[in-house]
Amino acid sequence: MRTALLLAPLIAAACRAPSTGSVAHPVPEAVSAAISAHPGGEVYVAYRDLGTRASWDVGGDVLVHAASTMKVPVMVALHRRAYLGELDLDMPVLVRNEFRSIVDGSPYSLDVADDSDAELYEHVGEEMPASELSRRMIVRSSNLATNLL
């Protein structure tokens, strides 16, 4: 079984930790610990500190399909808007499977067979809190929840 690891919050937290030139940066150690705690998973990370230009990677030269990585910025944007008072995470969102392409406006829907959260499709036509959709987007890697948010 493949193990999925969401390291962005771990990396973000480690980046806030102070470090000095004489102390190793905490990010590689924190990521190594997280990887070790989940043997058998495939993990690829590329990191660069924009202030110091320090960088490191784990499998940084491996080409991978990065589709689900966009779910993290969606979650961050959602929670940022909630923090700013622009929306309430308890607000109901209608679960639907009809969308318009941002490229040409053509309609499309998602295939439940291509999603890791088949259960959400059973709720089409119902309302669900944005917070629950956010949780499903990250914990279950739900494509439908992502599109709804």
N, C-alpha and C. Protein backbone atom coordinates (compact mmCIF):
# COMPACT_ATOMS: atom_id res chain seq x y z
N MET A 1 0.84 -1.17 0.00
CA MET A 1 0.00 0.00 0.00
C MET A 1 0.89 1.24 0.00
N ARG A 2 0.49 2.24 -0.76
CA ARG A 2 1.25 3.49 -0.82
C ARG A 2 0.78 4.41 0.30
N THR A 3 1.71 5.07 0.90
CA THR A 3 1.39 6.00 1.98
C THR A 3 1.53 7.41 1.47
N ALA A 4 0.50 8.20 1.67
CA ALA A 4 0.55 9.61 1.29
C ALA A 4 0.88 10.42 2.53
N LEU A 5 1.77 11.33 2.40
CA LEU A 5 2.21 12.16 3.51
C LEU A 5 2.02 13.61 3.13
N LEU A 6 1.33 14.38 3.95
CA LEU A 6 1.17 15.80 3.70
C LEU A 6 2.20 16.52 4.54
N LEU A 7 3.29 16.95 3.91
CA LEU A 7 4.40 17.55 4.63
C LEU A 7 4.36 19.06 4.67
N ALA A 8 3.50 19.70 3.90
CA ALA A 8 3.50 21.16 3.85
C ALA A 8 3.32 21.80 5.22
N PRO A 9 2.35 21.36 6.06
CA PRO A 9 2.24 21.98 7.38
C PRO A 9 3.48 21.74 8.23
N LEU A 10 4.08 20.57 8.13
CA LEU A 10 5.29 20.27 8.87
C LEU A 10 6.43 21.19 8.44
N ILE A 11 6.59 21.36 7.14
CA ILE A 11 7.64 22.23 6.63
C ILE A 11 7.39 23.67 7.03
N ALA A 12 6.12 24.12 6.91
CA ALA A 12 5.80 25.50 7.27
C ALA A 12 6.10 25.75 8.74
N ALA A 13 5.75 24.81 9.62
CA ALA A 13 6.01 24.97 11.04
C ALA A 13 7.51 24.98 11.31
N ALA A 14 8.23 24.11 10.66
CA ALA A 14 9.68 24.04 10.87
C ALA A 14 10.37 25.30 10.36
N CYS A 15 9.84 25.89 9.31
CA CYS A 15 10.45 27.10 8.74
C CYS A 15 10.33 28.28 9.70
N ARG A 16 9.31 28.26 10.55
CA ARG A 16 9.15 29.35 11.51
C ARG A 16 10.11 29.22 12.69
N ALA A 17 10.66 28.00 12.85
CA ALA A 17 11.58 27.80 13.96
C ALA A 17 12.87 28.56 13.70
N PRO A 18 13.40 29.23 14.71
CA PRO A 18 14.64 30.00 14.49
C PRO A 18 15.81 29.05 14.25
N SER A 19 16.70 29.47 13.41
CA SER A 19 17.92 28.70 13.21
C SER A 19 19.07 29.69 13.05
N THR A 20 20.25 29.24 13.39
CA THR A 20 21.43 30.07 13.25
C THR A 20 22.39 29.37 12.32
N GLY A 21 23.43 30.05 11.92
CA GLY A 21 24.40 29.46 11.02
C GLY A 21 25.10 28.25 11.64
N SER A 22 25.17 28.19 12.97
CA SER A 22 25.89 27.09 13.62
C SER A 22 24.98 25.89 13.89
N VAL A 23 23.67 26.06 13.74
CA VAL A 23 22.73 24.98 14.01
C VAL A 23 22.12 24.53 12.69
N ALA A 24 22.00 23.22 12.52
CA ALA A 24 21.39 22.70 11.29
C ALA A 24 19.96 23.21 11.18
N HIS A 25 19.54 23.46 9.96
CA HIS A 25 18.17 23.93 9.72
C HIS A 25 17.20 22.84 10.13
N PRO A 26 16.10 23.18 10.82
CA PRO A 26 15.19 22.15 11.33
C PRO A 26 14.36 21.44 10.27
N VAL A 27 14.21 22.01 9.10
CA VAL A 27 13.32 21.41 8.11
C VAL A 27 13.79 20.02 7.66
N PRO A 28 15.03 19.83 7.23
CA PRO A 28 15.42 18.48 6.81
C PRO A 28 15.25 17.42 7.90
N GLU A 29 15.58 17.76 9.14
CA GLU A 29 15.42 16.81 10.23
C GLU A 29 13.95 16.46 10.45
N ALA A 30 13.08 17.47 10.42
CA ALA A 30 11.65 17.23 10.62
C ALA A 30 11.07 16.38 9.49
N VAL A 31 11.47 16.66 8.27
CA VAL A 31 10.97 15.89 7.13
C VAL A 31 11.50 14.46 7.19
N SER A 32 12.79 14.30 7.51
CA SER A 32 13.37 12.95 7.64
C SER A 32 12.64 12.15 8.70
N ALA A 33 12.30 12.78 9.82
CA ALA A 33 11.58 12.08 10.89
C ALA A 33 10.19 11.66 10.42
N ALA A 34 9.50 12.54 9.67
CA ALA A 34 8.16 12.21 9.17
C ALA A 34 8.23 11.07 8.17
N ILE A 35 9.23 11.09 7.30
CA ILE A 35 9.39 10.03 6.31
C ILE A 35 9.68 8.70 7.02
N SER A 36 10.55 8.72 8.00
CA SER A 36 10.91 7.50 8.74
C SER A 36 9.71 6.91 9.47
N ALA A 37 8.80 7.77 9.90
CA ALA A 37 7.62 7.30 10.64
C ALA A 37 6.61 6.61 9.73
N HIS A 38 6.78 6.73 8.43
CA HIS A 38 5.84 6.14 7.47
C HIS A 38 6.62 5.36 6.42
N PRO A 39 7.22 4.24 6.79
CA PRO A 39 8.02 3.48 5.82
C PRO A 39 7.16 2.94 4.69
N GLY A 40 7.76 2.85 3.52
CA GLY A 40 7.06 2.30 2.37
C GLY A 40 6.40 3.35 1.49
N GLY A 41 6.35 4.58 1.95
CA GLY A 41 5.74 5.64 1.15
C GLY A 41 6.72 6.22 0.15
N GLU A 42 6.20 6.89 -0.83
CA GLU A 42 7.04 7.61 -1.79
C GLU A 42 6.95 9.07 -1.45
N VAL A 43 8.09 9.67 -1.15
CA VAL A 43 8.12 11.07 -0.74
C VAL A 43 9.14 11.81 -1.57
N TYR A 44 8.72 12.92 -2.13
CA TYR A 44 9.60 13.79 -2.90
C TYR A 44 9.39 15.20 -2.39
N VAL A 45 10.46 15.86 -2.00
CA VAL A 45 10.37 17.20 -1.44
C VAL A 45 11.50 18.03 -2.02
N ALA A 46 11.18 19.25 -2.40
CA ALA A 46 12.21 20.22 -2.78
C ALA A 46 11.96 21.46 -1.93
N TYR A 47 13.00 21.96 -1.30
CA TYR A 47 12.88 23.08 -0.39
C TYR A 47 13.93 24.13 -0.71
N ARG A 48 13.52 25.38 -0.63
CA ARG A 48 14.47 26.47 -0.80
C ARG A 48 14.06 27.61 0.11
N ASP A 49 14.98 28.07 0.94
CA ASP A 49 14.74 29.21 1.82
C ASP A 49 15.00 30.46 0.98
N LEU A 50 13.95 31.24 0.75
CA LEU A 50 14.10 32.40 -0.12
C LEU A 50 14.96 33.49 0.50
N GLY A 51 15.12 33.48 1.83
CA GLY A 51 15.96 34.47 2.48
C GLY A 51 17.43 34.11 2.39
N THR A 52 17.76 32.88 2.75
CA THR A 52 19.17 32.47 2.80
C THR A 52 19.62 31.76 1.53
N ARG A 53 18.67 31.38 0.70
CA ARG A 53 18.92 30.62 -0.53
C ARG A 53 19.37 29.18 -0.25
N ALA A 54 19.35 28.77 1.02
CA ALA A 54 19.68 27.38 1.36
C ALA A 54 18.63 26.48 0.71
N SER A 55 19.05 25.32 0.25
CA SER A 55 18.10 24.40 -0.37
C SER A 55 18.51 22.96 -0.11
N TRP A 56 17.56 22.06 -0.23
CA TRP A 56 17.81 20.63 -0.13
C TRP A 56 16.62 19.93 -0.76
N ASP A 57 16.77 18.65 -1.02
CA ASP A 57 15.66 17.90 -1.60
C ASP A 57 15.74 16.44 -1.22
N VAL A 58 14.62 15.78 -1.36
CA VAL A 58 14.50 14.33 -1.25
C VAL A 58 13.92 13.88 -2.58
N GLY A 59 14.72 13.24 -3.40
CA GLY A 59 14.25 12.81 -4.72
C GLY A 59 13.90 13.99 -5.61
N GLY A 60 14.62 15.08 -5.47
CA GLY A 60 14.30 16.30 -6.20
C GLY A 60 14.43 16.20 -7.70
N ASP A 61 15.10 15.19 -8.20
CA ASP A 61 15.25 15.03 -9.65
C ASP A 61 14.26 14.03 -10.23
N VAL A 62 13.34 13.51 -9.43
CA VAL A 62 12.36 12.55 -9.90
C VAL A 62 11.14 13.30 -10.45
N LEU A 63 10.70 12.92 -11.64
CA LEU A 63 9.51 13.52 -12.22
C LEU A 63 8.28 12.83 -11.64
N VAL A 64 7.36 13.61 -11.08
CA VAL A 64 6.15 13.06 -10.48
C VAL A 64 4.95 13.88 -10.94
N HIS A 65 3.78 13.23 -10.92
CA HIS A 65 2.53 13.92 -11.21
C HIS A 65 2.13 14.68 -9.95
N ALA A 66 2.01 15.97 -10.03
CA ALA A 66 1.83 16.81 -8.85
C ALA A 66 0.42 17.37 -8.70
N ALA A 67 -0.58 16.70 -9.25
CA ALA A 67 -1.94 17.25 -9.25
C ALA A 67 -2.46 17.57 -7.86
N SER A 68 -2.30 16.69 -6.91
CA SER A 68 -2.88 16.92 -5.59
C SER A 68 -2.14 17.97 -4.79
N THR A 69 -0.97 18.39 -5.22
CA THR A 69 -0.27 19.42 -4.46
C THR A 69 -1.02 20.74 -4.49
N MET A 70 -1.87 20.94 -5.48
CA MET A 70 -2.63 22.20 -5.53
C MET A 70 -3.73 22.25 -4.47
N LYS A 71 -3.99 21.12 -3.82
CA LYS A 71 -5.01 21.11 -2.77
C LYS A 71 -4.55 21.90 -1.54
N VAL A 72 -3.26 21.92 -1.29
CA VAL A 72 -2.75 22.67 -0.13
C VAL A 72 -2.99 24.17 -0.30
N PRO A 73 -2.66 24.78 -1.44
CA PRO A 73 -2.97 26.21 -1.58
C PRO A 73 -4.47 26.51 -1.53
N VAL A 74 -5.30 25.59 -2.00
CA VAL A 74 -6.75 25.79 -1.90
C VAL A 74 -7.14 25.84 -0.43
N MET A 75 -6.61 24.90 0.37
CA MET A 75 -6.90 24.88 1.81
C MET A 75 -6.39 26.15 2.48
N VAL A 76 -5.18 26.57 2.14
CA VAL A 76 -4.60 27.77 2.75
C VAL A 76 -5.46 28.99 2.40
N ALA A 77 -5.87 29.11 1.14
CA ALA A 77 -6.71 30.25 0.73
C ALA A 77 -8.05 30.24 1.46
N LEU A 78 -8.65 29.07 1.59
CA LEU A 78 -9.92 28.94 2.29
C LEU A 78 -9.79 29.40 3.74
N HIS A 79 -8.77 28.89 4.42
CA HIS A 79 -8.59 29.26 5.83
C HIS A 79 -8.15 30.71 6.00
N ARG A 80 -7.43 31.24 5.05
CA ARG A 80 -7.04 32.65 5.11
C ARG A 80 -8.29 33.53 5.00
N ARG A 81 -9.18 33.18 4.07
CA ARG A 81 -10.41 33.97 3.92
C ARG A 81 -11.27 33.87 5.17
N ALA A 82 -11.27 32.70 5.81
CA ALA A 82 -12.02 32.55 7.07
C ALA A 82 -11.38 33.41 8.15
N TYR A 83 -10.07 33.40 8.23
CA TYR A 83 -9.35 34.20 9.21
C TYR A 83 -9.64 35.69 9.02
N LEU A 84 -9.72 36.13 7.78
CA LEU A 84 -9.99 37.53 7.48
C LEU A 84 -11.47 37.89 7.64
N GLY A 85 -12.30 36.89 7.95
CA GLY A 85 -13.73 37.14 8.13
C GLY A 85 -14.50 37.23 6.83
N GLU A 86 -13.90 36.80 5.74
CA GLU A 86 -14.57 36.87 4.43
C GLU A 86 -15.51 35.70 4.19
N LEU A 87 -15.35 34.63 4.95
CA LEU A 87 -16.27 33.51 4.87
C LEU A 87 -16.23 32.73 6.17
N ASP A 88 -17.27 31.95 6.38
CA ASP A 88 -17.40 31.13 7.57
C ASP A 88 -17.17 29.68 7.17
N LEU A 89 -16.26 28.99 7.85
CA LEU A 89 -15.97 27.60 7.50
C LEU A 89 -17.17 26.68 7.73
N ASP A 90 -18.16 27.15 8.49
CA ASP A 90 -19.38 26.36 8.69
C ASP A 90 -20.42 26.62 7.61
N MET A 91 -20.10 27.51 6.66
CA MET A 91 -21.09 27.83 5.63
C MET A 91 -21.41 26.57 4.81
N PRO A 92 -22.68 26.39 4.49
CA PRO A 92 -23.04 25.21 3.70
C PRO A 92 -22.65 25.39 2.23
N VAL A 93 -22.15 24.32 1.65
CA VAL A 93 -21.80 24.29 0.23
C VAL A 93 -22.60 23.17 -0.40
N LEU A 94 -23.29 23.48 -1.49
CA LEU A 94 -24.06 22.46 -2.20
C LEU A 94 -23.11 21.51 -2.90
N VAL A 95 -23.22 20.23 -2.59
CA VAL A 95 -22.40 19.22 -3.25
C VAL A 95 -23.03 18.93 -4.61
N ARG A 96 -22.28 19.21 -5.64
CA ARG A 96 -22.73 19.00 -7.02
C ARG A 96 -21.56 18.45 -7.81
N ASN A 97 -21.86 17.89 -8.95
CA ASN A 97 -20.80 17.36 -9.80
C ASN A 97 -20.96 17.90 -11.21
N GLU A 98 -21.14 19.18 -11.29
CA GLU A 98 -21.24 19.89 -12.57
C GLU A 98 -20.41 21.16 -12.45
N PHE A 99 -19.43 21.29 -13.33
CA PHE A 99 -18.51 22.41 -13.28
C PHE A 99 -18.32 22.99 -14.67
N ARG A 100 -17.73 24.16 -14.72
CA ARG A 100 -17.39 24.80 -15.99
C ARG A 100 -15.88 24.95 -16.07
N SER A 101 -15.32 24.62 -17.21
CA SER A 101 -13.88 24.73 -17.42
C SER A 101 -13.45 26.19 -17.33
N ILE A 102 -12.34 26.45 -16.63
CA ILE A 102 -11.83 27.82 -16.59
C ILE A 102 -11.14 28.18 -17.90
N VAL A 103 -10.88 27.19 -18.74
CA VAL A 103 -10.23 27.44 -20.02
C VAL A 103 -11.22 27.94 -21.06
N ASP A 104 -12.31 27.18 -21.26
CA ASP A 104 -13.25 27.55 -22.33
C ASP A 104 -14.71 27.59 -21.89
N GLY A 105 -14.96 27.38 -20.60
CA GLY A 105 -16.33 27.44 -20.10
C GLY A 105 -17.16 26.21 -20.37
N SER A 106 -16.59 25.20 -21.00
CA SER A 106 -17.36 24.00 -21.31
C SER A 106 -17.69 23.24 -20.03
N PRO A 107 -18.87 22.59 -20.01
CA PRO A 107 -19.26 21.84 -18.80
C PRO A 107 -18.51 20.52 -18.69
N TYR A 108 -18.28 20.10 -17.47
CA TYR A 108 -17.68 18.79 -17.22
C TYR A 108 -18.09 18.32 -15.84
N SER A 109 -17.91 17.04 -15.61
CA SER A 109 -18.12 16.46 -14.28
C SER A 109 -16.97 15.51 -13.99
N LEU A 110 -16.81 15.19 -12.72
CA LEU A 110 -15.73 14.30 -12.30
C LEU A 110 -16.23 12.86 -12.30
N ASP A 111 -15.33 11.92 -12.54
CA ASP A 111 -15.64 10.50 -12.53
C ASP A 111 -15.30 9.95 -11.16
N VAL A 112 -16.28 9.38 -10.49
CA VAL A 112 -16.07 8.83 -9.16
C VAL A 112 -14.94 7.79 -9.16
N ALA A 113 -14.73 7.10 -10.27
CA ALA A 113 -13.68 6.09 -10.36
C ALA A 113 -12.28 6.71 -10.31
N ASP A 114 -12.17 8.00 -10.60
CA ASP A 114 -10.88 8.70 -10.57
C ASP A 114 -10.66 9.47 -9.27
N ASP A 115 -11.53 9.26 -8.30
CA ASP A 115 -11.46 10.02 -7.04
C ASP A 115 -11.24 9.06 -5.88
N SER A 116 -10.49 9.48 -4.90
CA SER A 116 -10.23 8.64 -3.73
C SER A 116 -11.29 8.81 -2.64
N ASP A 117 -12.31 9.61 -2.91
CA ASP A 117 -13.38 9.85 -1.93
C ASP A 117 -14.73 9.58 -2.57
N ALA A 118 -14.99 8.32 -2.90
CA ALA A 118 -16.24 7.94 -3.57
C ALA A 118 -17.46 8.28 -2.72
N GLU A 119 -17.30 8.25 -1.41
CA GLU A 119 -18.43 8.51 -0.51
C GLU A 119 -19.03 9.90 -0.71
N LEU A 120 -18.22 10.89 -1.04
CA LEU A 120 -18.74 12.25 -1.21
C LEU A 120 -19.76 12.32 -2.34
N TYR A 121 -19.60 11.50 -3.37
CA TYR A 121 -20.52 11.51 -4.50
C TYR A 121 -21.92 11.07 -4.08
N GLU A 122 -22.04 10.34 -2.97
CA GLU A 122 -23.34 9.92 -2.45
C GLU A 122 -24.11 11.11 -1.86
N HIS A 123 -23.44 12.24 -1.68
CA HIS A 123 -24.06 13.43 -1.08
C HIS A 123 -24.39 14.51 -2.11
N VAL A 124 -24.29 14.18 -3.39
CA VAL A 124 -24.66 15.16 -4.43
C VAL A 124 -26.11 15.57 -4.21
N GLY A 125 -26.34 16.88 -4.24
CA GLY A 125 -27.67 17.43 -4.00
C GLY A 125 -27.88 17.87 -2.56
N GLU A 126 -26.96 17.50 -1.67
CA GLU A 126 -27.03 17.89 -0.27
C GLU A 126 -26.04 19.02 0.00
N GLU A 127 -26.18 19.65 1.15
CA GLU A 127 -25.23 20.67 1.57
C GLU A 127 -24.27 20.08 2.61
N MET A 128 -23.04 20.58 2.58
CA MET A 128 -22.02 20.12 3.51
C MET A 128 -21.20 21.35 3.92
N PRO A 129 -20.77 21.44 5.19
CA PRO A 129 -19.97 22.60 5.61
C PRO A 129 -18.65 22.66 4.84
N ALA A 130 -18.20 23.87 4.57
CA ALA A 130 -16.92 24.07 3.88
C ALA A 130 -15.78 23.40 4.66
N SER A 131 -15.86 23.42 5.99
CA SER A 131 -14.81 22.80 6.80
C SER A 131 -14.72 21.29 6.54
N GLU A 132 -15.86 20.63 6.36
CA GLU A 132 -15.85 19.19 6.07
C GLU A 132 -15.30 18.93 4.67
N LEU A 133 -15.63 19.77 3.72
CA LEU A 133 -15.07 19.62 2.37
C LEU A 133 -13.57 19.83 2.39
N SER A 134 -13.11 20.80 3.18
CA SER A 134 -11.68 21.04 3.31
C SER A 134 -10.98 19.82 3.91
N ARG A 135 -11.59 19.23 4.94
CA ARG A 135 -11.02 18.04 5.56
C ARG A 135 -10.94 16.89 4.56
N ARG A 136 -12.00 16.67 3.80
CA ARG A 136 -12.01 15.59 2.81
C ARG A 136 -10.99 15.85 1.70
N MET A 137 -10.83 17.10 1.32
CA MET A 137 -9.88 17.45 0.28
C MET A 137 -8.47 17.04 0.69
N ILE A 138 -8.12 17.25 1.96
CA ILE A 138 -6.77 16.95 2.43
C ILE A 138 -6.64 15.52 2.92
N VAL A 139 -7.53 15.08 3.79
CA VAL A 139 -7.41 13.76 4.41
C VAL A 139 -7.71 12.63 3.42
N ARG A 140 -8.70 12.83 2.56
CA ARG A 140 -9.07 11.79 1.60
C ARG A 140 -8.60 12.11 0.18
N SER A 141 -7.96 13.23 0.00
CA SER A 141 -7.51 13.70 -1.32
C SER A 141 -8.67 13.77 -2.30
N SER A 142 -9.79 14.27 -1.82
CA SER A 142 -11.02 14.33 -2.61
C SER A 142 -10.93 15.37 -3.72
N ASN A 143 -11.06 14.90 -4.95
CA ASN A 143 -11.07 15.81 -6.11
C ASN A 143 -12.38 16.59 -6.15
N LEU A 144 -13.49 15.92 -5.82
CA LEU A 144 -14.78 16.60 -5.84
C LEU A 144 -14.81 17.73 -4.80
N ALA A 145 -14.34 17.45 -3.60
CA ALA A 145 -14.29 18.49 -2.57
C ALA A 145 -13.43 19.67 -3.01
N THR A 146 -12.32 19.35 -3.67
CA THR A 146 -11.43 20.40 -4.16
C THR A 146 -12.15 21.29 -5.16
N ASN A 147 -12.82 20.69 -6.12
CA ASN A 147 -13.54 21.48 -7.12
C ASN A 147 -14.64 22.32 -6.48
N LEU A 148 -15.32 21.77 -5.49
CA LEU A 148 -16.39 22.51 -4.82
C LEU A 148 -15.85 23.73 -4.08
N LEU A 149 -14.70 23.58 -3.47
CA LEU A 149 -14.11 24.70 -2.74
C LEU A 149 -13.47 25.70 -3.68
